[in-house]
Amino acid sequence: MLGERETGIFEIDEENWIALLVFIAMETQWRHSNHGAVFGLDYTALSAVMHLQKIRDKPEVFRRVQIMERAALPLLNKR
């Protein structure tokens, strides 16, 4: 998704695990401008993904996914 993938081992804090799984499930749900710039996730799809994955604390997972989204946007928009 972000081009060439790095190899290596890294840790995910337990409190971020569910949000990471949701973020990964959203990998095909990025919104693009007419010029190809990525400007964010499709939150309608995010709601559906969280519903299908039976996420209990939706507001907290949503907040954590937004943090991941903000971190990913500069990488997705590198040219």
N, C-alpha and C. Protein backbone atom coordinates (compact mmCIF):
# COMPACT_ATOMS: atom_id res chain seq x y z
N MET A 1 0.82 -1.20 0.00
CA MET A 1 0.00 0.00 0.00
C MET A 1 0.86 1.25 0.00
N LEU A 2 1.92 1.30 0.78
CA LEU A 2 2.76 2.48 0.84
C LEU A 2 4.00 2.33 -0.02
N GLY A 3 3.92 1.52 -1.05
CA GLY A 3 5.08 1.31 -1.90
C GLY A 3 5.89 0.13 -1.38
N GLU A 4 7.18 0.25 -1.51
CA GLU A 4 8.05 -0.83 -1.07
C GLU A 4 7.96 -1.00 0.44
N ARG A 5 7.68 -2.20 0.87
CA ARG A 5 7.51 -2.47 2.30
C ARG A 5 8.86 -2.71 2.96
N GLU A 6 8.99 -2.16 4.15
CA GLU A 6 10.18 -2.40 4.95
C GLU A 6 10.04 -3.74 5.64
N THR A 7 11.15 -4.38 5.87
CA THR A 7 11.13 -5.62 6.64
C THR A 7 11.70 -5.32 8.01
N GLY A 8 11.28 -6.10 8.95
CA GLY A 8 11.76 -5.90 10.31
C GLY A 8 10.68 -6.25 11.31
N ILE A 9 11.06 -6.17 12.53
CA ILE A 9 10.14 -6.49 13.62
C ILE A 9 9.87 -5.21 14.39
N PHE A 10 8.64 -5.00 14.72
CA PHE A 10 8.28 -3.85 15.53
C PHE A 10 7.15 -4.26 16.46
N GLU A 11 6.96 -3.49 17.51
CA GLU A 11 5.95 -3.79 18.50
C GLU A 11 4.73 -2.91 18.31
N ILE A 12 3.58 -3.46 18.64
CA ILE A 12 2.33 -2.71 18.67
C ILE A 12 1.83 -2.77 20.11
N ASP A 13 1.59 -1.62 20.70
CA ASP A 13 1.05 -1.61 22.05
C ASP A 13 -0.32 -2.29 22.04
N GLU A 14 -0.57 -3.05 23.09
CA GLU A 14 -1.82 -3.81 23.17
C GLU A 14 -3.05 -2.93 22.99
N GLU A 15 -3.01 -1.71 23.53
CA GLU A 15 -4.18 -0.83 23.43
C GLU A 15 -4.43 -0.34 22.00
N ASN A 16 -3.45 -0.53 21.10
CA ASN A 16 -3.61 -0.13 19.70
C ASN A 16 -3.92 -1.30 18.77
N TRP A 17 -3.94 -2.51 19.29
CA TRP A 17 -4.07 -3.69 18.45
C TRP A 17 -5.38 -3.69 17.65
N ILE A 18 -6.50 -3.45 18.31
CA ILE A 18 -7.80 -3.48 17.62
C ILE A 18 -7.85 -2.37 16.57
N ALA A 19 -7.38 -1.19 16.92
CA ALA A 19 -7.38 -0.09 15.95
C ALA A 19 -6.50 -0.42 14.75
N LEU A 20 -5.38 -1.08 14.98
CA LEU A 20 -4.52 -1.48 13.87
C LEU A 20 -5.23 -2.46 12.95
N LEU A 21 -5.93 -3.42 13.52
CA LEU A 21 -6.67 -4.39 12.69
C LEU A 21 -7.74 -3.68 11.86
N VAL A 22 -8.42 -2.71 12.45
CA VAL A 22 -9.42 -1.93 11.71
C VAL A 22 -8.73 -1.12 10.61
N PHE A 23 -7.61 -0.47 10.93
CA PHE A 23 -6.87 0.33 9.96
C PHE A 23 -6.44 -0.54 8.77
N ILE A 24 -5.95 -1.72 9.05
CA ILE A 24 -5.54 -2.64 7.98
C ILE A 24 -6.75 -3.04 7.13
N ALA A 25 -7.87 -3.28 7.77
CA ALA A 25 -9.10 -3.65 7.04
C ALA A 25 -9.56 -2.51 6.13
N MET A 26 -9.15 -1.29 6.44
CA MET A 26 -9.55 -0.11 5.66
C MET A 26 -8.59 0.22 4.53
N GLU A 27 -7.60 -0.63 4.27
CA GLU A 27 -6.54 -0.26 3.33
C GLU A 27 -7.02 0.07 1.92
N THR A 28 -8.19 -0.37 1.52
CA THR A 28 -8.70 -0.04 0.18
C THR A 28 -9.75 1.07 0.23
N GLN A 29 -9.88 1.75 1.34
CA GLN A 29 -10.95 2.72 1.52
C GLN A 29 -10.47 4.16 1.64
N TRP A 30 -9.36 4.47 0.98
CA TRP A 30 -8.85 5.83 0.98
C TRP A 30 -9.59 6.67 -0.05
N ARG A 31 -9.89 7.91 0.31
CA ARG A 31 -10.51 8.85 -0.62
C ARG A 31 -9.41 9.62 -1.35
N HIS A 32 -9.63 9.81 -2.65
CA HIS A 32 -8.64 10.47 -3.52
C HIS A 32 -9.28 11.68 -4.20
N SER A 33 -8.46 12.70 -4.44
CA SER A 33 -8.92 13.84 -5.22
C SER A 33 -8.88 13.45 -6.70
N ASN A 34 -9.39 14.32 -7.54
CA ASN A 34 -9.36 14.08 -8.99
C ASN A 34 -7.93 14.04 -9.53
N HIS A 35 -7.00 14.61 -8.77
CA HIS A 35 -5.60 14.65 -9.20
C HIS A 35 -4.76 13.56 -8.55
N GLY A 36 -5.42 12.66 -7.83
CA GLY A 36 -4.71 11.52 -7.26
C GLY A 36 -4.21 11.68 -5.84
N ALA A 37 -4.37 12.86 -5.25
CA ALA A 37 -3.94 13.05 -3.87
C ALA A 37 -4.88 12.29 -2.93
N VAL A 38 -4.32 11.71 -1.91
CA VAL A 38 -5.11 11.01 -0.91
C VAL A 38 -5.45 12.00 0.19
N PHE A 39 -6.74 12.11 0.55
CA PHE A 39 -7.08 13.09 1.59
C PHE A 39 -7.76 12.51 2.80
N GLY A 40 -7.91 11.19 2.88
CA GLY A 40 -8.45 10.60 4.10
C GLY A 40 -9.20 9.31 3.84
N LEU A 41 -9.56 8.68 4.93
CA LEU A 41 -10.33 7.44 4.85
C LEU A 41 -11.81 7.75 4.64
N ASP A 42 -12.51 6.81 4.06
CA ASP A 42 -13.95 6.89 3.89
C ASP A 42 -14.58 6.47 5.22
N TYR A 43 -15.10 7.45 5.97
CA TYR A 43 -15.63 7.14 7.30
C TYR A 43 -16.92 6.34 7.26
N THR A 44 -17.65 6.37 6.16
CA THR A 44 -18.81 5.50 6.03
C THR A 44 -18.36 4.05 6.02
N ALA A 45 -17.30 3.77 5.27
CA ALA A 45 -16.74 2.42 5.24
C ALA A 45 -16.16 2.05 6.60
N LEU A 46 -15.53 3.02 7.28
CA LEU A 46 -14.97 2.76 8.60
C LEU A 46 -16.06 2.33 9.58
N SER A 47 -17.19 2.99 9.53
CA SER A 47 -18.32 2.62 10.39
C SER A 47 -18.77 1.19 10.09
N ALA A 48 -18.85 0.85 8.81
CA ALA A 48 -19.26 -0.50 8.42
C ALA A 48 -18.25 -1.55 8.87
N VAL A 49 -16.96 -1.24 8.71
CA VAL A 49 -15.91 -2.18 9.13
C VAL A 49 -15.98 -2.41 10.63
N MET A 50 -16.14 -1.34 11.40
CA MET A 50 -16.22 -1.51 12.85
C MET A 50 -17.46 -2.30 13.25
N HIS A 51 -18.56 -2.08 12.54
CA HIS A 51 -19.78 -2.85 12.82
C HIS A 51 -19.57 -4.33 12.50
N LEU A 52 -19.00 -4.62 11.34
CA LEU A 52 -18.77 -6.02 10.94
C LEU A 52 -17.77 -6.73 11.84
N GLN A 53 -16.80 -5.97 12.37
CA GLN A 53 -15.81 -6.57 13.26
C GLN A 53 -16.27 -6.58 14.72
N LYS A 54 -17.51 -6.10 14.93
CA LYS A 54 -18.11 -6.08 16.27
C LYS A 54 -17.23 -5.35 17.30
N ILE A 55 -16.76 -4.17 16.91
CA ILE A 55 -15.93 -3.35 17.79
C ILE A 55 -16.82 -2.78 18.89
N ARG A 56 -16.40 -2.95 20.12
CA ARG A 56 -17.20 -2.49 21.26
C ARG A 56 -17.05 -1.00 21.52
N ASP A 57 -15.82 -0.53 21.63
CA ASP A 57 -15.57 0.88 21.96
C ASP A 57 -15.29 1.66 20.67
N LYS A 58 -16.33 1.87 19.88
CA LYS A 58 -16.17 2.51 18.58
C LYS A 58 -15.55 3.91 18.67
N PRO A 59 -15.97 4.77 19.61
CA PRO A 59 -15.35 6.10 19.66
C PRO A 59 -13.84 6.06 19.91
N GLU A 60 -13.38 5.19 20.78
CA GLU A 60 -11.95 5.10 21.06
C GLU A 60 -11.18 4.52 19.88
N VAL A 61 -11.72 3.49 19.25
CA VAL A 61 -11.05 2.90 18.08
C VAL A 61 -11.04 3.92 16.93
N PHE A 62 -12.13 4.65 16.75
CA PHE A 62 -12.18 5.69 15.72
C PHE A 62 -11.08 6.71 15.96
N ARG A 63 -10.90 7.17 17.20
CA ARG A 63 -9.86 8.14 17.54
C ARG A 63 -8.48 7.60 17.20
N ARG A 64 -8.22 6.34 17.53
CA ARG A 64 -6.91 5.74 17.27
C ARG A 64 -6.68 5.55 15.76
N VAL A 65 -7.71 5.18 15.03
CA VAL A 65 -7.58 5.05 13.57
C VAL A 65 -7.30 6.42 12.95
N GLN A 66 -7.92 7.47 13.46
CA GLN A 66 -7.64 8.81 12.95
C GLN A 66 -6.18 9.20 13.16
N ILE A 67 -5.60 8.81 14.27
CA ILE A 67 -4.18 9.09 14.52
C ILE A 67 -3.33 8.38 13.47
N MET A 68 -3.66 7.12 13.18
CA MET A 68 -2.94 6.36 12.16
C MET A 68 -3.14 6.99 10.78
N GLU A 69 -4.36 7.42 10.52
CA GLU A 69 -4.68 8.07 9.24
C GLU A 69 -3.82 9.33 9.05
N ARG A 70 -3.75 10.18 10.08
CA ARG A 70 -2.95 11.41 9.98
C ARG A 70 -1.48 11.10 9.76
N ALA A 71 -1.00 10.03 10.38
CA ALA A 71 0.41 9.64 10.19
C ALA A 71 0.66 9.10 8.79
N ALA A 72 -0.33 8.41 8.22
CA ALA A 72 -0.17 7.77 6.90
C ALA A 72 -0.29 8.76 5.75
N LEU A 73 -1.07 9.81 5.90
CA LEU A 73 -1.34 10.73 4.78
C LEU A 73 -0.08 11.32 4.14
N PRO A 74 0.89 11.81 4.91
CA PRO A 74 2.10 12.34 4.25
C PRO A 74 2.85 11.27 3.46
N LEU A 75 2.84 10.05 3.95
CA LEU A 75 3.51 8.97 3.23
C LEU A 75 2.77 8.60 1.95
N LEU A 76 1.45 8.58 2.02
CA LEU A 76 0.64 8.25 0.85
C LEU A 76 0.72 9.34 -0.23
N ASN A 77 0.98 10.56 0.19
CA ASN A 77 1.01 11.68 -0.75
C ASN A 77 2.40 12.08 -1.20
N LYS A 78 3.41 11.29 -0.83
CA LYS A 78 4.77 11.56 -1.32
C LYS A 78 4.79 11.34 -2.83
N ARG A 79 5.46 12.22 -3.53
CA ARG A 79 5.52 12.07 -4.99
C ARG A 79 6.94 12.06 -5.45
